C-alpha atoms as a PDB file:
ATOM      1  CA  MET A   1      93.095  84.723 135.186  1.00  0.00           C
ATOM      2  CA  GLN A   2      93.601  84.071 131.475  1.00  0.00           C
ATOM      3  CA  LYS A   3      89.844  83.625 130.991  1.00  0.00           C
ATOM      4  CA  MET A   4      89.220  86.935 132.733  1.00  0.00           C
ATOM      5  CA  LEU A   5      91.793  88.738 130.555  1.00  0.00           C
ATOM      6  CA  ARG A   6      90.318  87.179 127.430  1.00  0.00           C
ATOM      7  CA  PHE A   7      86.834  88.232 128.510  1.00  0.00           C
ATOM      8  CA  LEU A   8      88.025  91.811 129.090  1.00  0.00           C
ATOM      9  CA  PHE A   9      89.770  91.758 125.711  1.00  0.00           C
ATOM     10  CA  TYR A  10      86.557  90.738 123.960  1.00  0.00           C
ATOM     11  CA  ILE A  11      84.628  93.414 125.846  1.00  0.00           C
ATOM     12  CA  VAL A  12      87.084  96.069 124.643  1.00  0.00           C
ATOM     13  CA  VAL A  13      87.021  94.768 121.057  1.00  0.00           C
ATOM     14  CA  VAL A  14      83.217  94.620 120.931  1.00  0.00           C
ATOM     15  CA  GLY A  15      82.977  98.091 122.483  1.00  0.00           C
ATOM     16  CA  TYR A  16      85.427  99.523 119.956  1.00  0.00           C
ATOM     17  CA  ALA A  17      83.569  97.827 117.104  1.00  0.00           C
ATOM     18  CA  GLY A  18      80.322  99.327 118.361  1.00  0.00           C
ATOM     19  CA  ILE A  19      81.847 102.816 118.556  1.00  0.00           C
ATOM     20  CA  THR A  20      83.264 102.422 115.037  1.00  0.00           C
ATOM     21  CA  LEU A  21      80.177 100.924 113.388  1.00  0.00           C
ATOM     22  CA  GLY A  22      77.654 103.031 115.316  1.00  0.00           C
ATOM     23  CA  PRO A  23      77.862 106.167 113.134  1.00  0.00           C
ATOM     24  CA  PHE A  24      77.799 104.075 109.947  1.00  0.00           C
ATOM     25  CA  ILE A  25      74.693 102.162 111.065  1.00  0.00           C
ATOM     26  CA  TRP A  26      73.056 105.442 112.109  1.00  0.00           C
ATOM     27  CA  SER A  27      73.821 106.881 108.662  1.00  0.00           C
ATOM     28  CA  ILE A  28      72.204 103.917 106.923  1.00  0.00           C
ATOM     29  CA  ILE A  29      69.073 104.125 109.073  1.00  0.00           C
ATOM     30  CA  THR A  30      68.816 107.888 108.620  1.00  0.00           C
ATOM     31  CA  SER A  31      69.177 107.539 104.838  1.00  0.00           C
ATOM     32  CA  LEU A  32      66.132 105.230 104.844  1.00  0.00           C
ATOM     33  CA  LYS A  33      63.932 107.475 106.977  1.00  0.00           C
ATOM     34  CA  PRO A  34      61.200 109.677 105.472  1.00  0.00           C
ATOM     35  CA  THR A  35      61.574 113.396 106.116  1.00  0.00           C
ATOM     36  CA  SER A  36      58.585 113.421 108.486  1.00  0.00           C
ATOM     37  CA  GLU A  37      60.441 111.123 110.914  1.00  0.00           C
ATOM     38  CA  LEU A  38      63.855 112.691 110.523  1.00  0.00           C
ATOM     39  CA  ASN A  39      63.904 114.368 113.952  1.00  0.00           C
ATOM     40  CA  THR A  40      62.719 111.321 115.896  1.00  0.00           C
ATOM     41  CA  PHE A  41      65.023 108.786 117.526  1.00  0.00           C
ATOM     42  CA  ALA A  42      62.533 105.950 117.128  1.00  0.00           C
ATOM     43  CA  VAL A  43      62.906 103.754 114.054  1.00  0.00           C
ATOM     44  CA  ASN A  44      59.744 102.486 112.429  1.00  0.00           C
ATOM     45  CA  ILE A  45      60.824  99.638 110.180  1.00  0.00           C
ATOM     46  CA  LYS A  46      57.576  99.804 108.213  1.00  0.00           C
ATOM     47  CA  HIS A  47      58.266 103.408 107.225  1.00  0.00           C
ATOM     48  CA  LEU A  48      61.821 102.876 105.975  1.00  0.00           C
ATOM     49  CA  THR A  49      62.061 103.705 102.299  1.00  0.00           C
ATOM     50  CA  LEU A  50      64.494 104.025  99.391  1.00  0.00           C
ATOM     51  CA  ASP A  51      62.925 107.282  98.219  1.00  0.00           C
ATOM     52  CA  ASN A  52      65.962 109.298  99.338  1.00  0.00           C
ATOM     53  CA  TYR A  53      68.240 107.240  97.090  1.00  0.00           C
ATOM     54  CA  LYS A  54      65.802 107.521  94.193  1.00  0.00           C
ATOM     55  CA  MET A  55      65.614 111.287  94.656  1.00  0.00           C
ATOM     56  CA  ILE A  56      69.395 111.675  94.615  1.00  0.00           C
ATOM     57  CA  ILE A  57      69.812 109.565  91.494  1.00  0.00           C
ATOM     58  CA  THR A  58      66.894 111.062  89.533  1.00  0.00           C
ATOM     59  CA  LYS A  59      66.717 114.733  90.583  1.00  0.00           C
ATOM     60  CA  PHE A  60      70.443 115.438  90.695  1.00  0.00           C
ATOM     61  CA  PRO A  61      73.104 114.800  87.996  1.00  0.00           C
ATOM     62  CA  PHE A  62      74.349 111.966  90.190  1.00  0.00           C
ATOM     63  CA  LEU A  63      75.434 109.768  87.278  1.00  0.00           C
ATOM     64  CA  ARG A  64      77.526 112.606  85.812  1.00  0.00           C
ATOM     65  CA  TRP A  65      79.219 113.253  89.158  1.00  0.00           C
ATOM     66  CA  PHE A  66      79.821 109.533  89.617  1.00  0.00           C
ATOM     67  CA  ILE A  67      81.437 109.261  86.165  1.00  0.00           C
ATOM     68  CA  ASN A  68      83.633 112.305  86.849  1.00  0.00           C
ATOM     69  CA  SER A  69      84.818 110.803  90.138  1.00  0.00           C
ATOM     70  CA  ALA A  70      85.447 107.435  88.484  1.00  0.00           C
ATOM     71  CA  ILE A  71      87.469 109.013  85.650  1.00  0.00           C
ATOM     72  CA  VAL A  72      89.574 111.175  87.970  1.00  0.00           C
ATOM     73  CA  ALA A  73      90.147 108.411  90.529  1.00  0.00           C
ATOM     74  CA  ALA A  74      91.036 105.842  87.846  1.00  0.00           C
ATOM     75  CA  ILE A  75      93.502 108.072  85.969  1.00  0.00           C
ATOM     76  CA  VAL A  76      95.221 109.329  89.117  1.00  0.00           C
ATOM     77  CA  THR A  77      95.346 105.878  90.719  1.00  0.00           C
ATOM     78  CA  PHE A  78      96.799 104.016  87.747  1.00  0.00           C
ATOM     79  CA  GLY A  79      99.131 106.914  86.963  1.00  0.00           C
ATOM     80  CA  ASN A  80     100.477 106.777  90.502  1.00  0.00           C
ATOM     81  CA  MET A  81     100.857 102.998  90.364  1.00  0.00           C
ATOM     82  CA  LEU A  82     102.965 103.281  87.201  1.00  0.00           C
ATOM     83  CA  PHE A  83     105.087 106.362  87.902  1.00  0.00           C
ATOM     84  CA  ASN A  84     105.579 105.698  91.614  1.00  0.00           C
ATOM     85  CA  SER A  85     106.654 102.141  90.815  1.00  0.00           C
ATOM     86  CA  MET A  86     109.160 103.321  88.215  1.00  0.00           C
ATOM     87  CA  ALA A  87     110.577 105.971  90.556  1.00  0.00           C
ATOM     88  CA  GLY A  88     110.671 103.540  93.475  1.00  0.00           C
ATOM     89  CA  TYR A  89     112.461 100.923  91.388  1.00  0.00           C
ATOM     90  CA  ALA A  90     115.032 103.460  90.218  1.00  0.00           C
ATOM     91  CA  LEU A  91     115.743 104.519  93.818  1.00  0.00           C
ATOM     92  CA  ALA A  92     115.967 100.902  94.954  1.00  0.00           C
ATOM     93  CA  ARG A  93     118.008  99.303  92.180  1.00  0.00           C
ATOM     94  CA  ILE A  94     119.680 101.808  89.856  1.00  0.00           C
ATOM     95  CA  ASN A  95     122.875 103.545  90.932  1.00  0.00           C
ATOM     96  CA  PHE A  96     123.139 107.112  89.663  1.00  0.00           C
ATOM     97  CA  PRO A  97     124.583 110.382  90.998  1.00  0.00           C
ATOM     98  CA  GLY A  98     122.352 112.070  93.555  1.00  0.00           C
ATOM     99  CA  LYS A  99     120.196 109.010  94.268  1.00  0.00           C
ATOM    100  CA  ASN A 100     120.458 109.339  98.031  1.00  0.00           C
ATOM    101  CA  PHE A 101     119.754 113.066  97.838  1.00  0.00           C
ATOM    102  CA  LEU A 102     116.637 112.450  95.754  1.00  0.00           C
ATOM    103  CA  PHE A 103     115.397 109.857  98.221  1.00  0.00           C
ATOM    104  CA  LEU A 104     115.919 112.269 101.123  1.00  0.00           C
ATOM    105  CA  LEU A 105     114.099 114.914  99.095  1.00  0.00           C
ATOM    106  CA  VAL A 106     111.138 112.555  98.657  1.00  0.00           C
ATOM    107  CA  LEU A 107     111.061 111.965 102.416  1.00  0.00           C
ATOM    108  CA  ALA A 108     111.324 115.680 103.121  1.00  0.00           C
ATOM    109  CA  LEU A 109     108.465 116.540 100.749  1.00  0.00           C
ATOM    110  CA  MET A 110     106.245 114.062 102.586  1.00  0.00           C
ATOM    111  CA  MET A 111     106.437 116.386 105.586  1.00  0.00           C
ATOM    112  CA  ILE A 112     105.167 119.445 103.702  1.00  0.00           C
ATOM    113  CA  PRO A 113     101.362 119.946 104.009  1.00  0.00           C
ATOM    114  CA  GLY A 114      99.487 120.141 100.735  1.00  0.00           C
ATOM    115  CA  GLN A 115      97.987 123.482 101.736  1.00  0.00           C
ATOM    116  CA  VAL A 116     101.429 125.091 101.425  1.00  0.00           C
ATOM    117  CA  VAL A 117     101.568 124.527  97.652  1.00  0.00           C
ATOM    118  CA  MET A 118      97.851 125.040  97.040  1.00  0.00           C
ATOM    119  CA  VAL A 119      98.020 128.654  95.870  1.00  0.00           C
ATOM    120  CA  PRO A 120     101.025 128.328  93.490  1.00  0.00           C
ATOM    121  CA  THR A 121      99.587 125.103  92.076  1.00  0.00           C
ATOM    122  CA  TYR A 122      96.247 126.769  91.390  1.00  0.00           C
ATOM    123  CA  ILE A 123      97.948 129.790  89.753  1.00  0.00           C
ATOM    124  CA  LEU A 124      99.984 127.458  87.521  1.00  0.00           C
ATOM    125  CA  LEU A 125      96.913 125.456  86.491  1.00  0.00           C
ATOM    126  CA  SER A 126      95.003 128.666  85.829  1.00  0.00           C
ATOM    127  CA  LYS A 127      97.729 129.975  83.512  1.00  0.00           C
ATOM    128  CA  LEU A 128      97.765 126.641  81.685  1.00  0.00           C
ATOM    129  CA  GLY A 129      93.991 126.846  81.208  1.00  0.00           C
ATOM    130  CA  TRP A 130      93.429 123.614  83.112  1.00  0.00           C
ATOM    131  CA  VAL A 131      90.901 124.940  85.628  1.00  0.00           C
ATOM    132  CA  ASN A 132      87.558 123.111  85.334  1.00  0.00           C
ATOM    133  CA  THR A 133      89.095 120.396  83.135  1.00  0.00           C
ATOM    134  CA  TYR A 134      90.000 116.742  83.560  1.00  0.00           C
ATOM    135  CA  MET A 135      93.646 117.618  82.974  1.00  0.00           C
ATOM    136  CA  GLY A 136      93.679 119.948  85.962  1.00  0.00           C
ATOM    137  CA  LEU A 137      92.019 117.301  88.133  1.00  0.00           C
ATOM    138  CA  THR A 138      94.420 114.516  87.171  1.00  0.00           C
ATOM    139  CA  ILE A 139      97.822 115.463  85.729  1.00  0.00           C
ATOM    140  CA  PRO A 140      99.215 117.372  88.774  1.00  0.00           C
ATOM    141  CA  PHE A 141      98.439 114.377  91.002  1.00  0.00           C
ATOM    142  CA  LEU A 142      99.894 111.507  88.968  1.00  0.00           C
ATOM    143  CA  THR A 143     102.761 110.985  91.428  1.00  0.00           C
ATOM    144  CA  SER A 144     102.955 110.731  95.193  1.00  0.00           C
ATOM    145  CA  ASN A 145     105.913 110.944  97.547  1.00  0.00           C
ATOM    146  CA  PHE A 146     104.353 108.343  99.810  1.00  0.00           C
ATOM    147  CA  GLY A 147     103.768 106.025  96.852  1.00  0.00           C
ATOM    148  CA  ILE A 148     107.398 106.332  95.753  1.00  0.00           C
ATOM    149  CA  PHE A 149     108.584 105.566  99.284  1.00  0.00           C
ATOM    150  CA  LEU A 150     106.202 102.609  99.561  1.00  0.00           C
ATOM    151  CA  MET A 151     107.348 101.024  96.297  1.00  0.00           C
ATOM    152  CA  ARG A 152     111.039 101.606  97.022  1.00  0.00           C
ATOM    153  CA  GLN A 153     110.742  99.834 100.350  1.00  0.00           C
ATOM    154  CA  PHE A 154     109.031  96.866  98.733  1.00  0.00           C
ATOM    155  CA  PHE A 155     111.504  96.570  95.850  1.00  0.00           C
ATOM    156  CA  LEU A 156     114.348  96.374  98.357  1.00  0.00           C
ATOM    157  CA  THR A 157     112.849  93.091  99.618  1.00  0.00           C
ATOM    158  CA  ILE A 158     113.005  91.422  96.187  1.00  0.00           C
ATOM    159  CA  PRO A 159     116.196  89.318  95.742  1.00  0.00           C
ATOM    160  CA  ARG A 160     118.642  90.807  93.278  1.00  0.00           C
ATOM    161  CA  GLU A 161     119.451  87.318  91.989  1.00  0.00           C
ATOM    162  CA  LEU A 162     116.177  87.254  90.045  1.00  0.00           C
ATOM    163  CA  GLU A 163     117.107  90.387  88.141  1.00  0.00           C
ATOM    164  CA  GLU A 164     120.702  89.229  87.612  1.00  0.00           C
ATOM    165  CA  ALA A 165     119.471  85.955  86.133  1.00  0.00           C
ATOM    166  CA  ALA A 166     117.156  87.856  83.783  1.00  0.00           C
ATOM    167  CA  THR A 167     120.051  90.127  82.748  1.00  0.00           C
ATOM    168  CA  ILE A 168     122.183  87.096  81.901  1.00  0.00           C
ATOM    169  CA  ASP A 169     119.322  85.825  79.721  1.00  0.00           C
ATOM    170  CA  GLY A 170     119.458  89.089  77.780  1.00  0.00           C
ATOM    171  CA  MET A 171     116.397  90.838  79.199  1.00  0.00           C
ATOM    172  CA  SER A 172     116.453  94.627  79.177  1.00  0.00           C
ATOM    173  CA  ARG A 173     115.929  96.847  82.205  1.00  0.00           C
ATOM    174  CA  PHE A 174     112.349  97.628  81.150  1.00  0.00           C
ATOM    175  CA  GLY A 175     111.698  93.948  80.512  1.00  0.00           C
ATOM    176  CA  ILE A 176     112.930  93.069  83.998  1.00  0.00           C
ATOM    177  CA  PHE A 177     110.767  95.801  85.512  1.00  0.00           C
ATOM    178  CA  PHE A 178     107.520  94.962  83.712  1.00  0.00           C
ATOM    179  CA  LYS A 179     107.822  91.170  83.436  1.00  0.00           C
ATOM    180  CA  ILE A 180     109.564  90.212  86.698  1.00  0.00           C
ATOM    181  CA  VAL A 181     109.547  92.996  89.274  1.00  0.00           C
ATOM    182  CA  LEU A 182     106.010  94.350  88.882  1.00  0.00           C
ATOM    183  CA  PRO A 183     104.311  90.921  89.016  1.00  0.00           C
ATOM    184  CA  LEU A 184     106.138  90.279  92.292  1.00  0.00           C
ATOM    185  CA  ALA A 185     104.983  93.646  93.647  1.00  0.00           C
ATOM    186  CA  LYS A 186     101.249  92.836  93.695  1.00  0.00           C
ATOM    187  CA  PRO A 187     100.901  93.338  97.482  1.00  0.00           C
ATOM    188  CA  ALA A 188     102.531  96.779  97.357  1.00  0.00           C
ATOM    189  CA  LEU A 189     100.568  97.723  94.230  1.00  0.00           C
ATOM    190  CA  ALA A 190      97.321  96.674  95.909  1.00  0.00           C
ATOM    191  CA  THR A 191      98.210  98.752  98.966  1.00  0.00           C
ATOM    192  CA  GLN A 192      98.987 101.735  96.781  1.00  0.00           C
ATOM    193  CA  PHE A 193      95.783 101.169  94.793  1.00  0.00           C
ATOM    194  CA  ILE A 194      93.653 101.305  97.951  1.00  0.00           C
ATOM    195  CA  PHE A 195      95.354 104.434  99.280  1.00  0.00           C
ATOM    196  CA  MET A 196      95.275 106.317  95.977  1.00  0.00           C
ATOM    197  CA  PHE A 197      91.784 105.323  94.889  1.00  0.00           C
ATOM    198  CA  THR A 198      90.250 106.035  98.281  1.00  0.00           C
ATOM    199  CA  GLY A 199      92.051 109.363  98.610  1.00  0.00           C
ATOM    200  CA  ASN A 200      91.063 110.579  95.153  1.00  0.00           C
ATOM    201  CA  TRP A 201      87.530 109.196  95.248  1.00  0.00           C
ATOM    202  CA  ASN A 202      86.856 111.046  98.499  1.00  0.00           C
ATOM    203  CA  SER A 203      88.851 114.147  97.564  1.00  0.00           C
ATOM    204  CA  PHE A 204      86.883 117.338  98.110  1.00  0.00           C
ATOM    205  CA  LEU A 205      89.264 120.286  98.539  1.00  0.00           C
ATOM    206  CA  TRP A 206      91.038 120.268  95.175  1.00  0.00           C
ATOM    207  CA  PRO A 207      87.983 119.397  93.037  1.00  0.00           C
ATOM    208  CA  SER A 208      85.995 122.134  94.788  1.00  0.00           C
ATOM    209  CA  LEU A 209      88.722 124.640  93.874  1.00  0.00           C
ATOM    210  CA  LEU A 210      89.302 123.458  90.317  1.00  0.00           C
ATOM    211  CA  THR A 211      85.693 122.943  89.186  1.00  0.00           C
ATOM    212  CA  SER A 212      83.246 125.764  88.572  1.00  0.00           C
ATOM    213  CA  THR A 213      80.387 124.113  86.663  1.00  0.00           C
ATOM    214  CA  SER A 214      78.041 121.355  87.762  1.00  0.00           C
ATOM    215  CA  ASP A 215      78.943 119.080  84.846  1.00  0.00           C
ATOM    216  CA  MET A 216      82.569 118.898  86.087  1.00  0.00           C
ATOM    217  CA  TYR A 217      81.785 118.282  89.763  1.00  0.00           C
ATOM    218  CA  THR A 218      83.080 115.111  91.299  1.00  0.00           C
ATOM    219  CA  LEU A 219      80.768 113.172  93.602  1.00  0.00           C
ATOM    220  CA  PRO A 220      81.902 114.732  96.921  1.00  0.00           C
ATOM    221  CA  VAL A 221      81.599 118.257  95.492  1.00  0.00           C
ATOM    222  CA  GLY A 222      78.209 117.488  93.956  1.00  0.00           C
ATOM    223  CA  LEU A 223      76.854 115.971  97.158  1.00  0.00           C
ATOM    224  CA  ASN A 224      77.924 119.109  99.011  1.00  0.00           C
ATOM    225  CA  SER A 225      75.190 120.951  97.106  1.00  0.00           C
ATOM    226  CA  PHE A 226      72.655 119.082  99.228  1.00  0.00           C
ATOM    227  CA  TYR A 227      73.376 121.499 102.055  1.00  0.00           C
ATOM    228  CA  GLY A 228      71.003 124.449 102.094  1.00  0.00           C
ATOM    229  CA  GLN A 229      71.656 127.814 103.651  1.00  0.00           C
ATOM    230  CA  TYR A 230      68.884 127.474 106.227  1.00  0.00           C
ATOM    231  CA  TYR A 231      68.039 123.770 106.280  1.00  0.00           C
ATOM    232  CA  GLN A 232      69.504 120.345 105.634  1.00  0.00           C
ATOM    233  CA  PHE A 233      67.605 117.196 104.743  1.00  0.00           C
ATOM    234  CA  TRP A 234      69.918 114.848 106.593  1.00  0.00           C
ATOM    235  CA  ASN A 235      68.217 111.741 105.232  1.00  0.00           C
ATOM    236  CA  GLN A 236      69.174 112.827 101.715  1.00  0.00           C
ATOM    237  CA  VAL A 237      72.660 113.826 102.828  1.00  0.00           C
ATOM    238  CA  MET A 238      73.180 110.423 104.461  1.00  0.00           C
ATOM    239  CA  ALA A 239      71.883 108.637 101.371  1.00  0.00           C
ATOM    240  CA  GLY A 240      74.451 110.488  99.282  1.00  0.00           C
ATOM    241  CA  ALA A 241      77.191 109.694 101.805  1.00  0.00           C
ATOM    242  CA  ILE A 242      76.331 105.969 101.688  1.00  0.00           C
ATOM    243  CA  LEU A 243      76.454 105.967  97.879  1.00  0.00           C
ATOM    244  CA  LEU A 244      79.807 107.756  98.048  1.00  0.00           C
ATOM    245  CA  THR A 245      81.208 105.234 100.533  1.00  0.00           C
ATOM    246  CA  LEU A 246      80.119 101.994  98.853  1.00  0.00           C
ATOM    247  CA  PRO A 247      82.795 101.899  96.080  1.00  0.00           C
ATOM    248  CA  THR A 248      85.644 102.359  98.574  1.00  0.00           C
ATOM    249  CA  ILE A 249      84.251  99.597 100.797  1.00  0.00           C
ATOM    250  CA  VAL A 250      84.058  97.221  97.833  1.00  0.00           C
ATOM    251  CA  ILE A 251      87.602  98.095  96.738  1.00  0.00           C
ATOM    252  CA  PHE A 252      88.974  97.489 100.225  1.00  0.00           C
ATOM    253  CA  LEU A 253      87.189  94.139 100.583  1.00  0.00           C
ATOM    254  CA  ILE A 254      88.573  92.976  97.238  1.00  0.00           C
ATOM    255  CA  PHE A 255      92.176  93.968  97.976  1.00  0.00           C
ATOM    256  CA  GLN A 256      92.206  93.476 101.751  1.00  0.00           C
ATOM    257  CA  ARG A 257      94.453  90.400 101.654  1.00  0.00           C
ATOM    258  CA  TYR A 258      97.053  92.107  99.471  1.00  0.00           C
ATOM    259  CA  PHE A 259      96.748  95.299 101.525  1.00  0.00           C
ATOM    260  CA  VAL A 260      97.798  93.546 104.743  1.00  0.00           C
ATOM    261  CA  ARG A 261     100.693  91.806 102.985  1.00  0.00           C
ATOM    262  CA  GLY A 262     101.838  95.045 101.388  1.00  0.00           C
ATOM    263  CA  ILE A 263     101.904  96.899 104.712  1.00  0.00           C
ATOM    264  CA  ALA A 264     103.794  94.043 106.388  1.00  0.00           C
ATOM    265  CA  THR A 265     106.452  93.596 103.704  1.00  0.00           C
ATOM    266  CA  THR A 266     107.259  97.305 103.234  1.00  0.00           C
ATOM    267  CA  GLY A 267     108.193  97.898 106.859  1.00  0.00           C
ATOM    268  CA  LEU A 268     105.231 100.200 107.561  1.00  0.00           C
ATOM    269  CA  LYS A 269     103.840  98.118 110.428  1.00  0.00           C
END
């Protein structure tokens, strides 16, 4: 009976893996196909080529879009890691009037869809002259309610005795935060890094609204220009999608161990 259940379990796992990996494998194969074989289901290994990737990199300002995405994702990610950690630590360790209200406010704001504040945010950025600038793409997104909640939950698991011992030794609050608390928060920081980097690297809606010239496009917005009004070269589209996906896959593989630990220790299982 146990062998039968285990066999069924493996069948389900393999089937789910096939359903999950199927579209990704299809995308890779399609990105390697020449245009003449794009509408055929058969795959001729001898005809697979990297010409689609070469075309994207050479005929489009791919490098410029890649740099824009890297700059925006890096600034927003590291800004969130710093400011969310500071806010989370304050809510977890510092007693001040209105702390509980602020924490409830953070939780409440997590329930509000981003589309609700889209128009007023755009009007504000327009009046500040930040449309089509790096400031408009980064500064409004340097904090995250989810990131604050994540860091607060993790800081609550750190023993207070460590901070009390550091206080007795004469260390300041900032010293305790940067030299003791943050080094212990590597799993939560790695989790936050993956969420923030992936979200901002793949972000399309806000960059498409805030950028109006090709030199300021991020990679998802730039790759969207591959779509024609009457036709789509899906091999080129898939090649661009693969290039867009690779950095997030690498980031996840690097931080996977810390990601699992961060989810487990913050009570988000």
